Amino acid sequence: MKIQYLGHSCFRLTESTGTTIITDPYRGIGYELPKGLTADAVTISHGHADHNNAGAIGGSPRLIDKEGFYELPGVEITGIKSYHDNRGGRLRGENIIYKFAMDGLEICHLGDLGEECSSELLEMLLPVNILLIPVGGNYTIDAVQAKEYVDRMMPEIVIPMHYKTRSLTLDIDRADAFLDLFDGEETEISGKDTLEFSRDDLTEEKTKIILMERRKL
């Protein structure tokens, strides 16, 4: 399967037979989505503008924006309710975490998760091979809280998202604060916007943190 980073919390996940899902398409963050994006489904973690621009995605995709179980050709999707803050949603409401089962891998997109790491939530999420996790703080978990999720979930691959970049206008932290919590051998600045993974590739005993780069438009 392929993962393409489209910026912020938006990824395009492509299963080996071609089924394509786009997560949390954005608007109003200082830069725009690539033109001409299409998908079979779009997942929305919550209703804020930097995560819910489903109308920008072509191809008449299926809209998934609630907890529950969904099936597409070659892909199973599970939406799990969580909170956008650490006060049971009283500040920013609910957040839907999505798990994608494709090509023998379990991919987890945490959306704008804001709640602390708990055994109850982990029980619903595990196992996870590839974790897409917010690290910028302020509106989500911060670097230290994200590190706790990584340590307890122990995925093979971690891809940071929802962090400050030169073009992003949101008041959140850069990814450096998160990367600095890991040994240098555990982190990789890929410089790529697309990575490909298979079940056979993920045999490392240690977690690998990979910082992807949004394609320049």
N, C-alpha and C. Protein backbone atom coordinates (compact mmCIF):
# COMPACT_ATOMS: atom_id res chain seq x y z
N MET A 1 0.83 -1.18 0.00
CA MET A 1 0.00 0.00 0.00
C MET A 1 0.87 1.24 0.00
N LYS A 2 0.29 2.35 -0.51
CA LYS A 2 1.02 3.60 -0.59
C LYS A 2 0.38 4.64 0.32
N ILE A 3 1.24 5.48 0.91
CA ILE A 3 0.80 6.63 1.70
C ILE A 3 1.40 7.88 1.08
N GLN A 4 0.55 8.79 0.65
CA GLN A 4 1.01 10.08 0.14
C GLN A 4 0.61 11.16 1.13
N TYR A 5 1.57 11.99 1.53
CA TYR A 5 1.30 13.08 2.46
C TYR A 5 0.91 14.32 1.66
N LEU A 6 -0.30 14.81 1.92
CA LEU A 6 -0.82 15.98 1.21
C LEU A 6 -0.76 17.24 2.05
N GLY A 7 -0.20 17.17 3.25
CA GLY A 7 -0.08 18.32 4.13
C GLY A 7 -1.04 18.27 5.30
N HIS A 8 -0.62 18.87 6.42
CA HIS A 8 -1.42 18.98 7.64
C HIS A 8 -1.78 17.58 8.15
N SER A 9 -3.05 17.20 8.14
CA SER A 9 -3.45 15.85 8.57
C SER A 9 -4.04 15.07 7.41
N CYS A 10 -3.74 15.49 6.20
CA CYS A 10 -4.34 14.93 5.00
C CYS A 10 -3.36 13.97 4.32
N PHE A 11 -3.82 12.74 4.12
CA PHE A 11 -3.04 11.71 3.44
C PHE A 11 -3.92 11.05 2.39
N ARG A 12 -3.28 10.52 1.37
CA ARG A 12 -3.97 9.65 0.42
C ARG A 12 -3.42 8.24 0.61
N LEU A 13 -4.29 7.32 1.01
CA LEU A 13 -3.93 5.93 1.23
C LEU A 13 -4.43 5.13 0.04
N THR A 14 -3.55 4.37 -0.59
CA THR A 14 -3.91 3.62 -1.78
C THR A 14 -3.61 2.14 -1.57
N GLU A 15 -4.65 1.32 -1.65
CA GLU A 15 -4.52 -0.13 -1.51
C GLU A 15 -4.01 -0.71 -2.81
N SER A 16 -3.41 -1.89 -2.77
CA SER A 16 -2.68 -2.43 -3.92
C SER A 16 -3.54 -2.62 -5.17
N THR A 17 -4.84 -2.82 -5.00
CA THR A 17 -5.70 -2.97 -6.17
C THR A 17 -6.29 -1.65 -6.64
N GLY A 18 -5.95 -0.55 -5.93
CA GLY A 18 -6.34 0.77 -6.41
C GLY A 18 -7.33 1.54 -5.57
N THR A 19 -7.95 0.91 -4.59
CA THR A 19 -8.89 1.63 -3.72
C THR A 19 -8.15 2.75 -2.99
N THR A 20 -8.73 3.96 -3.05
CA THR A 20 -8.04 5.15 -2.54
C THR A 20 -8.91 5.87 -1.52
N ILE A 21 -8.27 6.26 -0.41
CA ILE A 21 -8.94 7.00 0.66
C ILE A 21 -8.14 8.25 0.95
N ILE A 22 -8.83 9.37 1.12
CA ILE A 22 -8.18 10.62 1.53
C ILE A 22 -8.70 10.98 2.92
N THR A 23 -7.77 11.33 3.80
CA THR A 23 -8.11 11.67 5.17
C THR A 23 -8.05 13.18 5.39
N ASP A 24 -9.03 13.72 6.11
CA ASP A 24 -9.02 15.09 6.61
C ASP A 24 -8.53 16.15 5.61
N PRO A 25 -9.19 16.28 4.46
CA PRO A 25 -8.80 17.35 3.52
C PRO A 25 -9.07 18.73 4.15
N TYR A 26 -8.22 19.68 3.87
CA TYR A 26 -8.22 20.95 4.59
C TYR A 26 -8.52 22.14 3.69
N ARG A 27 -8.77 23.27 4.36
CA ARG A 27 -8.82 24.58 3.71
C ARG A 27 -8.50 25.61 4.79
N GLY A 28 -8.06 26.79 4.34
CA GLY A 28 -7.85 27.90 5.27
C GLY A 28 -6.69 27.75 6.21
N ILE A 29 -5.60 27.10 5.77
CA ILE A 29 -4.46 26.92 6.68
C ILE A 29 -3.19 27.59 6.17
N GLY A 30 -3.30 28.34 5.07
CA GLY A 30 -2.12 29.03 4.54
C GLY A 30 -1.62 28.45 3.24
N TYR A 31 -2.02 27.25 2.91
CA TYR A 31 -1.72 26.66 1.61
C TYR A 31 -2.91 25.80 1.19
N GLU A 32 -2.93 25.42 -0.09
CA GLU A 32 -4.09 24.74 -0.65
C GLU A 32 -3.81 23.27 -0.93
N LEU A 33 -4.88 22.49 -0.99
CA LEU A 33 -4.77 21.11 -1.43
C LEU A 33 -4.31 21.05 -2.89
N PRO A 34 -3.61 20.00 -3.27
CA PRO A 34 -3.30 19.82 -4.69
C PRO A 34 -4.58 19.75 -5.52
N LYS A 35 -4.53 20.23 -6.72
CA LYS A 35 -5.69 20.19 -7.61
C LYS A 35 -5.91 18.78 -8.15
N GLY A 36 -7.15 18.48 -8.47
CA GLY A 36 -7.47 17.24 -9.16
C GLY A 36 -7.45 15.99 -8.32
N LEU A 37 -7.55 16.12 -7.00
CA LEU A 37 -7.56 14.94 -6.14
C LEU A 37 -8.88 14.17 -6.30
N THR A 38 -8.79 12.86 -6.39
CA THR A 38 -9.97 12.00 -6.41
C THR A 38 -9.77 10.87 -5.41
N ALA A 39 -10.87 10.25 -4.99
CA ALA A 39 -10.78 9.15 -4.03
C ALA A 39 -12.05 8.33 -4.09
N ASP A 40 -11.96 7.11 -3.57
CA ASP A 40 -13.14 6.28 -3.40
C ASP A 40 -13.87 6.61 -2.10
N ALA A 41 -13.14 7.12 -1.12
CA ALA A 41 -13.75 7.53 0.15
C ALA A 41 -12.94 8.66 0.76
N VAL A 42 -13.61 9.48 1.55
CA VAL A 42 -12.98 10.55 2.31
C VAL A 42 -13.39 10.37 3.77
N THR A 43 -12.39 10.34 4.65
CA THR A 43 -12.69 10.27 6.08
C THR A 43 -12.48 11.64 6.71
N ILE A 44 -13.40 12.01 7.59
CA ILE A 44 -13.36 13.30 8.28
C ILE A 44 -13.34 13.04 9.78
N SER A 45 -12.31 13.51 10.46
CA SER A 45 -12.20 13.25 11.90
C SER A 45 -13.12 14.15 12.73
N HIS A 46 -13.37 15.37 12.23
CA HIS A 46 -14.26 16.30 12.94
C HIS A 46 -14.57 17.46 12.00
N GLY A 47 -15.45 18.37 12.44
CA GLY A 47 -16.01 19.35 11.55
C GLY A 47 -15.25 20.64 11.38
N HIS A 48 -14.04 20.78 11.87
CA HIS A 48 -13.30 22.03 11.71
C HIS A 48 -12.76 22.16 10.28
N ALA A 49 -12.64 23.40 9.82
CA ALA A 49 -12.34 23.67 8.41
C ALA A 49 -11.01 23.08 7.95
N ASP A 50 -10.05 22.94 8.85
CA ASP A 50 -8.76 22.40 8.43
C ASP A 50 -8.76 20.86 8.37
N HIS A 51 -9.97 20.27 8.46
CA HIS A 51 -10.07 18.81 8.40
C HIS A 51 -11.29 18.31 7.62
N ASN A 52 -12.18 19.19 7.17
CA ASN A 52 -13.47 18.70 6.65
C ASN A 52 -13.80 19.18 5.23
N ASN A 53 -12.78 19.45 4.42
CA ASN A 53 -13.01 19.99 3.08
C ASN A 53 -13.27 18.86 2.07
N ALA A 54 -14.26 18.03 2.37
CA ALA A 54 -14.56 16.89 1.50
C ALA A 54 -14.99 17.32 0.11
N GLY A 55 -15.58 18.51 -0.01
CA GLY A 55 -16.04 18.99 -1.31
C GLY A 55 -14.93 19.22 -2.31
N ALA A 56 -13.69 19.29 -1.84
CA ALA A 56 -12.56 19.51 -2.75
C ALA A 56 -12.09 18.23 -3.42
N ILE A 57 -12.63 17.09 -3.02
CA ILE A 57 -12.18 15.80 -3.53
C ILE A 57 -13.16 15.29 -4.59
N GLY A 58 -12.64 15.01 -5.78
CA GLY A 58 -13.46 14.54 -6.88
C GLY A 58 -13.63 13.03 -6.89
N GLY A 59 -14.40 12.55 -7.87
CA GLY A 59 -14.61 11.13 -8.01
C GLY A 59 -15.82 10.59 -7.27
N SER A 60 -16.68 11.48 -6.76
CA SER A 60 -17.88 11.08 -6.00
C SER A 60 -17.54 10.12 -4.86
N PRO A 61 -16.60 10.51 -3.99
CA PRO A 61 -16.17 9.59 -2.93
C PRO A 61 -17.26 9.37 -1.88
N ARG A 62 -17.19 8.24 -1.23
CA ARG A 62 -18.05 7.95 -0.09
C ARG A 62 -17.55 8.79 1.09
N LEU A 63 -18.45 9.51 1.75
CA LEU A 63 -18.09 10.34 2.89
C LEU A 63 -18.25 9.54 4.17
N ILE A 64 -17.17 9.46 4.94
CA ILE A 64 -17.19 8.76 6.22
C ILE A 64 -16.80 9.75 7.30
N ASP A 65 -17.75 10.07 8.18
CA ASP A 65 -17.49 11.09 9.20
C ASP A 65 -18.08 10.72 10.56
N LYS A 66 -18.37 9.42 10.76
CA LYS A 66 -18.93 8.97 12.03
C LYS A 66 -18.26 7.68 12.47
N GLU A 67 -18.36 7.38 13.75
CA GLU A 67 -17.82 6.12 14.23
C GLU A 67 -18.61 4.96 13.62
N GLY A 68 -17.99 3.80 13.51
CA GLY A 68 -18.65 2.64 12.94
C GLY A 68 -17.70 1.85 12.06
N PHE A 69 -18.25 0.83 11.38
CA PHE A 69 -17.46 -0.05 10.53
C PHE A 69 -17.90 0.13 9.09
N TYR A 70 -16.91 0.23 8.19
CA TYR A 70 -17.18 0.49 6.78
C TYR A 70 -16.31 -0.43 5.93
N GLU A 71 -16.84 -0.84 4.79
CA GLU A 71 -16.09 -1.70 3.88
C GLU A 71 -16.02 -1.09 2.49
N LEU A 72 -14.86 -1.14 1.90
CA LEU A 72 -14.63 -0.79 0.50
C LEU A 72 -13.86 -1.96 -0.12
N PRO A 73 -13.77 -2.04 -1.43
CA PRO A 73 -13.00 -3.13 -2.04
C PRO A 73 -11.57 -3.19 -1.52
N GLY A 74 -11.24 -4.27 -0.83
CA GLY A 74 -9.89 -4.47 -0.32
C GLY A 74 -9.55 -3.71 0.94
N VAL A 75 -10.50 -2.96 1.47
CA VAL A 75 -10.21 -2.09 2.63
C VAL A 75 -11.35 -2.18 3.66
N GLU A 76 -10.97 -2.28 4.92
CA GLU A 76 -11.93 -2.17 6.03
C GLU A 76 -11.57 -0.94 6.84
N ILE A 77 -12.57 -0.15 7.21
CA ILE A 77 -12.36 1.09 7.96
C ILE A 77 -13.19 1.03 9.24
N THR A 78 -12.55 1.36 10.35
CA THR A 78 -13.25 1.42 11.63
C THR A 78 -13.09 2.82 12.21
N GLY A 79 -14.21 3.49 12.47
CA GLY A 79 -14.19 4.80 13.11
C GLY A 79 -14.44 4.66 14.60
N ILE A 80 -13.56 5.25 15.39
CA ILE A 80 -13.60 5.11 16.85
C ILE A 80 -13.71 6.49 17.48
N LYS A 81 -14.72 6.67 18.31
CA LYS A 81 -14.94 7.98 18.94
C LYS A 81 -13.87 8.28 19.99
N SER A 82 -13.38 9.50 19.95
CA SER A 82 -12.45 10.00 20.96
C SER A 82 -12.77 11.48 21.16
N TYR A 83 -11.87 12.21 21.81
CA TYR A 83 -12.15 13.61 22.10
C TYR A 83 -11.03 14.52 21.59
N HIS A 84 -11.46 15.71 21.19
CA HIS A 84 -10.57 16.72 20.64
C HIS A 84 -9.84 17.49 21.74
N ASP A 85 -10.14 17.19 22.99
CA ASP A 85 -9.52 17.86 24.12
C ASP A 85 -9.42 16.88 25.28
N ASN A 86 -8.84 17.33 26.39
CA ASN A 86 -8.67 16.46 27.55
C ASN A 86 -9.76 16.66 28.59
N ARG A 87 -10.90 17.21 28.17
CA ARG A 87 -12.03 17.43 29.07
C ARG A 87 -13.30 16.78 28.56
N GLY A 88 -13.14 15.62 27.95
CA GLY A 88 -14.29 14.88 27.48
C GLY A 88 -15.07 15.57 26.38
N GLY A 89 -14.40 16.39 25.60
CA GLY A 89 -15.04 17.07 24.49
C GLY A 89 -15.71 18.38 24.83
N ARG A 90 -15.62 18.81 26.07
CA ARG A 90 -16.32 20.03 26.47
C ARG A 90 -15.73 21.29 25.85
N LEU A 91 -14.44 21.23 25.45
CA LEU A 91 -13.81 22.40 24.83
C LEU A 91 -13.94 22.40 23.31
N ARG A 92 -13.67 21.26 22.67
CA ARG A 92 -13.62 21.23 21.20
C ARG A 92 -14.45 20.12 20.58
N GLY A 93 -15.14 19.35 21.39
CA GLY A 93 -16.02 18.33 20.86
C GLY A 93 -15.34 16.98 20.63
N GLU A 94 -15.99 16.16 19.83
CA GLU A 94 -15.51 14.81 19.57
C GLU A 94 -14.54 14.77 18.39
N ASN A 95 -13.80 13.68 18.33
CA ASN A 95 -12.84 13.42 17.26
C ASN A 95 -12.97 11.96 16.90
N ILE A 96 -13.02 11.66 15.60
CA ILE A 96 -13.09 10.27 15.17
C ILE A 96 -11.71 9.80 14.72
N ILE A 97 -11.23 8.76 15.37
CA ILE A 97 -10.00 8.08 14.97
C ILE A 97 -10.39 7.01 13.94
N TYR A 98 -9.60 6.87 12.89
CA TYR A 98 -9.89 5.85 11.88
C TYR A 98 -8.77 4.83 11.80
N LYS A 99 -9.18 3.56 11.79
CA LYS A 99 -8.26 2.46 11.51
C LYS A 99 -8.58 1.90 10.13
N PHE A 100 -7.53 1.71 9.34
CA PHE A 100 -7.67 1.20 7.98
C PHE A 100 -6.93 -0.14 7.89
N ALA A 101 -7.64 -1.19 7.53
CA ALA A 101 -7.01 -2.48 7.29
C ALA A 101 -6.88 -2.65 5.78
N MET A 102 -5.64 -2.65 5.30
CA MET A 102 -5.40 -2.79 3.86
C MET A 102 -4.07 -3.48 3.62
N ASP A 103 -4.06 -4.41 2.69
CA ASP A 103 -2.84 -5.14 2.32
C ASP A 103 -2.15 -5.76 3.53
N GLY A 104 -2.93 -6.27 4.47
CA GLY A 104 -2.37 -6.94 5.64
C GLY A 104 -1.80 -6.02 6.70
N LEU A 105 -2.00 -4.71 6.56
CA LEU A 105 -1.48 -3.73 7.51
C LEU A 105 -2.63 -3.02 8.22
N GLU A 106 -2.36 -2.59 9.45
CA GLU A 106 -3.30 -1.79 10.23
C GLU A 106 -2.74 -0.38 10.32
N ILE A 107 -3.42 0.57 9.68
CA ILE A 107 -3.00 1.97 9.68
C ILE A 107 -3.97 2.75 10.54
N CYS A 108 -3.47 3.59 11.43
CA CYS A 108 -4.32 4.34 12.34
C CYS A 108 -4.07 5.84 12.17
N HIS A 109 -5.14 6.59 11.87
CA HIS A 109 -5.09 8.05 11.73
C HIS A 109 -5.80 8.63 12.95
N LEU A 110 -5.06 9.31 13.82
CA LEU A 110 -5.61 9.78 15.08
C LEU A 110 -6.41 11.07 14.98
N GLY A 111 -6.47 11.68 13.78
CA GLY A 111 -7.24 12.92 13.63
C GLY A 111 -6.69 14.01 14.53
N ASP A 112 -7.59 14.81 15.11
CA ASP A 112 -7.19 15.87 16.04
C ASP A 112 -7.34 15.40 17.48
N LEU A 113 -6.73 14.28 17.77
CA LEU A 113 -6.84 13.71 19.11
C LEU A 113 -6.30 14.68 20.15
N GLY A 114 -7.08 14.89 21.21
CA GLY A 114 -6.64 15.80 22.27
C GLY A 114 -6.62 15.17 23.64
N GLU A 115 -7.17 13.96 23.77
CA GLU A 115 -7.26 13.35 25.10
C GLU A 115 -5.98 12.60 25.45
N GLU A 116 -5.77 12.46 26.76
CA GLU A 116 -4.59 11.76 27.24
C GLU A 116 -4.67 10.28 26.90
N CYS A 117 -3.52 9.65 26.84
CA CYS A 117 -3.43 8.23 26.51
C CYS A 117 -4.01 7.40 27.65
N SER A 118 -4.98 6.55 27.34
CA SER A 118 -5.60 5.72 28.37
C SER A 118 -5.63 4.27 27.90
N SER A 119 -5.67 3.36 28.86
CA SER A 119 -5.73 1.94 28.54
C SER A 119 -7.01 1.61 27.79
N GLU A 120 -8.10 2.30 28.13
CA GLU A 120 -9.39 2.04 27.49
C GLU A 120 -9.33 2.37 25.99
N LEU A 121 -8.73 3.52 25.67
CA LEU A 121 -8.63 3.91 24.27
C LEU A 121 -7.66 3.00 23.52
N LEU A 122 -6.54 2.68 24.13
CA LEU A 122 -5.56 1.82 23.49
C LEU A 122 -6.14 0.45 23.16
N GLU A 123 -6.99 -0.06 24.04
CA GLU A 123 -7.60 -1.36 23.81
C GLU A 123 -8.43 -1.36 22.53
N MET A 124 -9.07 -0.22 22.22
CA MET A 124 -9.87 -0.12 21.01
C MET A 124 -9.00 0.06 19.75
N LEU A 125 -7.81 0.62 19.92
CA LEU A 125 -6.98 0.96 18.77
C LEU A 125 -6.03 -0.14 18.34
N LEU A 126 -5.50 -0.88 19.27
CA LEU A 126 -4.46 -1.86 18.94
C LEU A 126 -5.03 -3.09 18.24
N PRO A 127 -4.23 -3.75 17.38
CA PRO A 127 -2.84 -3.44 17.03
C PRO A 127 -2.76 -2.40 15.92
N VAL A 128 -1.60 -1.74 15.83
CA VAL A 128 -1.35 -0.73 14.80
C VAL A 128 0.05 -0.93 14.24
N ASN A 129 0.16 -1.00 12.92
CA ASN A 129 1.46 -1.08 12.26
C ASN A 129 2.00 0.29 11.88
N ILE A 130 1.12 1.15 11.36
CA ILE A 130 1.52 2.48 10.91
C ILE A 130 0.63 3.50 11.60
N LEU A 131 1.24 4.42 12.34
CA LEU A 131 0.50 5.40 13.13
C LEU A 131 0.70 6.79 12.56
N LEU A 132 -0.40 7.46 12.22
CA LEU A 132 -0.40 8.85 11.76
C LEU A 132 -0.87 9.69 12.94
N ILE A 133 0.02 10.50 13.51
CA ILE A 133 -0.24 11.09 14.82
C ILE A 133 0.01 12.60 14.83
N PRO A 134 -0.93 13.39 15.41
CA PRO A 134 -0.69 14.83 15.55
C PRO A 134 0.35 15.09 16.63
N VAL A 135 1.23 16.07 16.39
CA VAL A 135 2.32 16.34 17.35
C VAL A 135 2.46 17.81 17.70
N GLY A 136 1.63 18.69 17.12
CA GLY A 136 1.84 20.13 17.23
C GLY A 136 1.31 20.79 18.46
N GLY A 137 0.49 20.09 19.27
CA GLY A 137 -0.03 20.69 20.49
C GLY A 137 -1.05 21.79 20.24
N ASN A 138 -1.41 22.49 21.29
CA ASN A 138 -2.37 23.59 21.31
C ASN A 138 -3.80 23.09 21.05
N TYR A 139 -4.07 22.58 19.85
CA TYR A 139 -5.39 22.05 19.52
C TYR A 139 -5.45 20.53 19.63
N THR A 140 -4.31 19.89 19.78
CA THR A 140 -4.22 18.43 19.85
C THR A 140 -3.24 18.04 20.96
N ILE A 141 -2.98 16.75 21.07
CA ILE A 141 -1.90 16.32 21.94
C ILE A 141 -0.59 16.97 21.48
N ASP A 142 0.30 17.20 22.45
CA ASP A 142 1.58 17.82 22.12
C ASP A 142 2.65 16.75 21.93
N ALA A 143 3.88 17.18 21.77
CA ALA A 143 4.97 16.26 21.49
C ALA A 143 5.15 15.20 22.57
N VAL A 144 5.11 15.62 23.83
CA VAL A 144 5.32 14.67 24.94
C VAL A 144 4.18 13.67 25.02
N GLN A 145 2.95 14.16 24.85
CA GLN A 145 1.80 13.25 24.88
C GLN A 145 1.83 12.30 23.68
N ALA A 146 2.25 12.81 22.52
CA ALA A 146 2.36 11.95 21.34
C ALA A 146 3.41 10.87 21.56
N LYS A 147 4.50 11.21 22.22
CA LYS A 147 5.54 10.22 22.52
C LYS A 147 4.98 9.11 23.40
N GLU A 148 4.11 9.45 24.35
CA GLU A 148 3.51 8.43 25.20
C GLU A 148 2.65 7.47 24.37
N TYR A 149 1.87 8.02 23.43
CA TYR A 149 1.07 7.16 22.56
C TYR A 149 1.97 6.22 21.77
N VAL A 150 3.05 6.73 21.23
CA VAL A 150 3.97 5.90 20.46
C VAL A 150 4.56 4.80 21.34
N ASP A 151 5.01 5.18 22.53
CA ASP A 151 5.64 4.21 23.42
C ASP A 151 4.69 3.09 23.82
N ARG A 152 3.43 3.43 24.01
CA ARG A 152 2.46 2.43 24.46
C ARG A 152 1.84 1.63 23.31
N MET A 153 1.75 2.24 22.15
CA MET A 153 1.16 1.54 21.00
C MET A 153 2.19 0.69 20.25
N MET A 154 3.43 1.10 20.27
CA MET A 154 4.55 0.39 19.66
C MET A 154 4.31 0.00 18.20
N PRO A 155 3.92 0.96 17.36
CA PRO A 155 3.79 0.66 15.93
C PRO A 155 5.17 0.53 15.28
N GLU A 156 5.23 -0.11 14.13
CA GLU A 156 6.51 -0.19 13.42
C GLU A 156 6.89 1.14 12.79
N ILE A 157 5.89 1.88 12.29
CA ILE A 157 6.12 3.14 11.60
C ILE A 157 5.26 4.22 12.23
N VAL A 158 5.84 5.41 12.47
CA VAL A 158 5.10 6.58 12.95
C VAL A 158 5.33 7.72 11.97
N ILE A 159 4.24 8.34 11.52
CA ILE A 159 4.34 9.48 10.62
C ILE A 159 3.68 10.68 11.30
N PRO A 160 4.46 11.69 11.71
CA PRO A 160 3.89 12.87 12.36
C PRO A 160 3.02 13.68 11.40
N MET A 161 2.02 14.36 11.97
CA MET A 161 1.15 15.25 11.19
C MET A 161 0.70 16.39 12.10
N HIS A 162 -0.01 17.36 11.51
CA HIS A 162 -0.59 18.47 12.27
C HIS A 162 0.48 19.20 13.09
N TYR A 163 1.50 19.71 12.38
CA TYR A 163 2.58 20.46 13.02
C TYR A 163 2.87 21.71 12.18
N LYS A 164 3.58 22.64 12.78
CA LYS A 164 3.86 23.92 12.15
C LYS A 164 4.87 23.76 11.01
N THR A 165 4.56 24.40 9.88
CA THR A 165 5.50 24.51 8.77
C THR A 165 5.59 25.97 8.38
N ARG A 166 6.49 26.26 7.45
CA ARG A 166 6.70 27.66 7.05
C ARG A 166 5.41 28.29 6.50
N SER A 167 4.62 27.52 5.78
CA SER A 167 3.42 28.07 5.14
C SER A 167 2.18 28.00 6.02
N LEU A 168 2.19 27.15 7.02
CA LEU A 168 1.00 26.93 7.84
C LEU A 168 0.74 28.12 8.75
N THR A 169 -0.52 28.56 8.81
CA THR A 169 -0.87 29.74 9.61
C THR A 169 -1.36 29.40 11.01
N LEU A 170 -1.59 28.14 11.33
CA LEU A 170 -2.11 27.76 12.64
C LEU A 170 -1.03 27.89 13.72
N ASP A 171 -1.47 28.20 14.93
CA ASP A 171 -0.57 28.40 16.06
C ASP A 171 -0.29 27.06 16.74
N ILE A 172 0.59 26.28 16.15
CA ILE A 172 0.99 24.99 16.70
C ILE A 172 2.50 24.86 16.60
N ASP A 173 3.06 23.84 17.25
CA ASP A 173 4.51 23.67 17.30
C ASP A 173 5.03 22.93 16.07
N ARG A 174 6.31 23.11 15.81
CA ARG A 174 6.97 22.38 14.74
C ARG A 174 7.16 20.92 15.14
N ALA A 175 7.49 20.08 14.18
CA ALA A 175 7.69 18.66 14.45
C ALA A 175 8.97 18.38 15.23
N ASP A 176 9.89 19.34 15.26
CA ASP A 176 11.18 19.12 15.91
C ASP A 176 11.04 18.70 17.37
N ALA A 177 10.09 19.31 18.08
CA ALA A 177 9.92 19.00 19.50
C ALA A 177 9.59 17.52 19.70
N PHE A 178 8.85 16.95 18.76
CA PHE A 178 8.51 15.52 18.82
C PHE A 178 9.71 14.67 18.41
N LEU A 179 10.35 15.02 17.32
CA LEU A 179 11.49 14.23 16.83
C LEU A 179 12.62 14.19 17.84
N ASP A 180 12.81 15.30 18.57
CA ASP A 180 13.90 15.39 19.53
C ASP A 180 13.73 14.45 20.72
N LEU A 181 12.54 13.90 20.89
CA LEU A 181 12.29 12.97 22.00
C LEU A 181 12.76 11.55 21.69
N PHE A 182 13.22 11.34 20.46
CA PHE A 182 13.67 10.01 20.04
C PHE A 182 15.16 10.05 19.68
N ASP A 183 15.80 8.90 19.75
CA ASP A 183 17.19 8.79 19.31
C ASP A 183 17.28 9.05 17.81
N GLY A 184 18.41 9.57 17.38
CA GLY A 184 18.59 9.87 15.98
C GLY A 184 18.39 8.67 15.07
N GLU A 185 18.79 7.48 15.53
CA GLU A 185 18.64 6.28 14.70
C GLU A 185 17.19 5.86 14.54
N GLU A 186 16.31 6.42 15.38
CA GLU A 186 14.89 6.08 15.29
C GLU A 186 14.13 7.00 14.34
N THR A 187 14.75 8.08 13.90
CA THR A 187 14.05 9.08 13.10
C THR A 187 14.63 9.16 11.69
N GLU A 188 13.78 9.54 10.76
CA GLU A 188 14.20 9.68 9.36
C GLU A 188 13.47 10.86 8.74
N ILE A 189 14.21 11.79 8.17
CA ILE A 189 13.62 12.88 7.39
C ILE A 189 13.59 12.40 5.94
N SER A 190 12.44 11.98 5.48
CA SER A 190 12.41 11.26 4.20
C SER A 190 12.59 12.17 2.99
N GLY A 191 12.09 13.41 3.09
CA GLY A 191 12.13 14.30 1.93
C GLY A 191 11.20 13.88 0.82
N LYS A 192 10.35 12.88 1.07
CA LYS A 192 9.43 12.37 0.07
C LYS A 192 7.99 12.64 0.50
N ASP A 193 7.10 12.73 -0.49
CA ASP A 193 5.69 12.88 -0.16
C ASP A 193 4.95 11.56 -0.26
N THR A 194 5.58 10.52 -0.82
CA THR A 194 4.92 9.23 -0.99
C THR A 194 5.85 8.10 -0.55
N LEU A 195 5.31 7.20 0.25
CA LEU A 195 6.05 6.02 0.69
C LEU A 195 5.20 4.79 0.44
N GLU A 196 5.86 3.67 0.22
CA GLU A 196 5.17 2.40 -0.04
C GLU A 196 5.56 1.39 1.03
N PHE A 197 4.57 0.67 1.54
CA PHE A 197 4.82 -0.30 2.60
C PHE A 197 4.14 -1.62 2.26
N SER A 198 4.76 -2.72 2.71
CA SER A 198 4.13 -4.02 2.65
C SER A 198 4.32 -4.71 4.00
N ARG A 199 3.54 -5.74 4.23
CA ARG A 199 3.62 -6.47 5.49
C ARG A 199 5.03 -7.02 5.70
N ASP A 200 5.66 -7.46 4.64
CA ASP A 200 7.01 -8.06 4.74
C ASP A 200 8.07 -7.02 5.11
N ASP A 201 7.80 -5.73 4.80
CA ASP A 201 8.78 -4.68 5.08
C ASP A 201 8.90 -4.39 6.58
N LEU A 202 7.80 -4.58 7.29
CA LEU A 202 7.73 -4.09 8.67
C LEU A 202 8.14 -5.18 9.65
N THR A 203 9.43 -5.42 9.70
CA THR A 203 9.98 -6.47 10.56
C THR A 203 10.91 -5.91 11.63
N GLU A 204 11.04 -4.58 11.66
CA GLU A 204 11.95 -3.96 12.63
C GLU A 204 11.41 -4.14 14.05
N GLU A 205 12.31 -4.39 14.99
CA GLU A 205 11.90 -4.50 16.38
C GLU A 205 11.66 -3.14 17.00
N LYS A 206 12.30 -2.10 16.45
CA LYS A 206 12.14 -0.75 16.97
C LYS A 206 11.19 0.05 16.09
N THR A 207 10.55 1.02 16.72
CA THR A 207 9.68 1.93 15.98
C THR A 207 10.52 2.91 15.16
N LYS A 208 10.09 3.19 13.93
CA LYS A 208 10.76 4.16 13.06
C LYS A 208 9.85 5.37 12.89
N ILE A 209 10.39 6.57 13.16
CA ILE A 209 9.66 7.82 12.97
C ILE A 209 10.07 8.40 11.63
N ILE A 210 9.11 8.61 10.73
CA ILE A 210 9.42 9.12 9.40
C ILE A 210 8.68 10.43 9.18
N LEU A 211 9.44 11.51 8.99
CA LEU A 211 8.85 12.81 8.70
C LEU A 211 8.75 12.96 7.18
N MET A 212 7.53 12.98 6.68
CA MET A 212 7.32 13.11 5.25
C MET A 212 7.25 14.59 4.85
N GLU A 213 7.35 14.85 3.57
CA GLU A 213 7.35 16.22 3.06
C GLU A 213 6.24 16.39 2.05
N ARG A 214 5.43 17.41 2.25
CA ARG A 214 4.36 17.71 1.29
C ARG A 214 4.96 18.13 -0.05
N ARG A 215 4.40 17.60 -1.12
CA ARG A 215 4.89 17.93 -2.46
C ARG A 215 4.69 19.41 -2.74
N LYS A 216 5.73 20.05 -3.26
CA LYS A 216 5.64 21.45 -3.63
C LYS A 216 4.71 21.62 -4.84
N LEU A 217 3.80 22.58 -4.74
CA LEU A 217 2.83 22.79 -5.82
C LEU A 217 3.36 23.82 -6.80
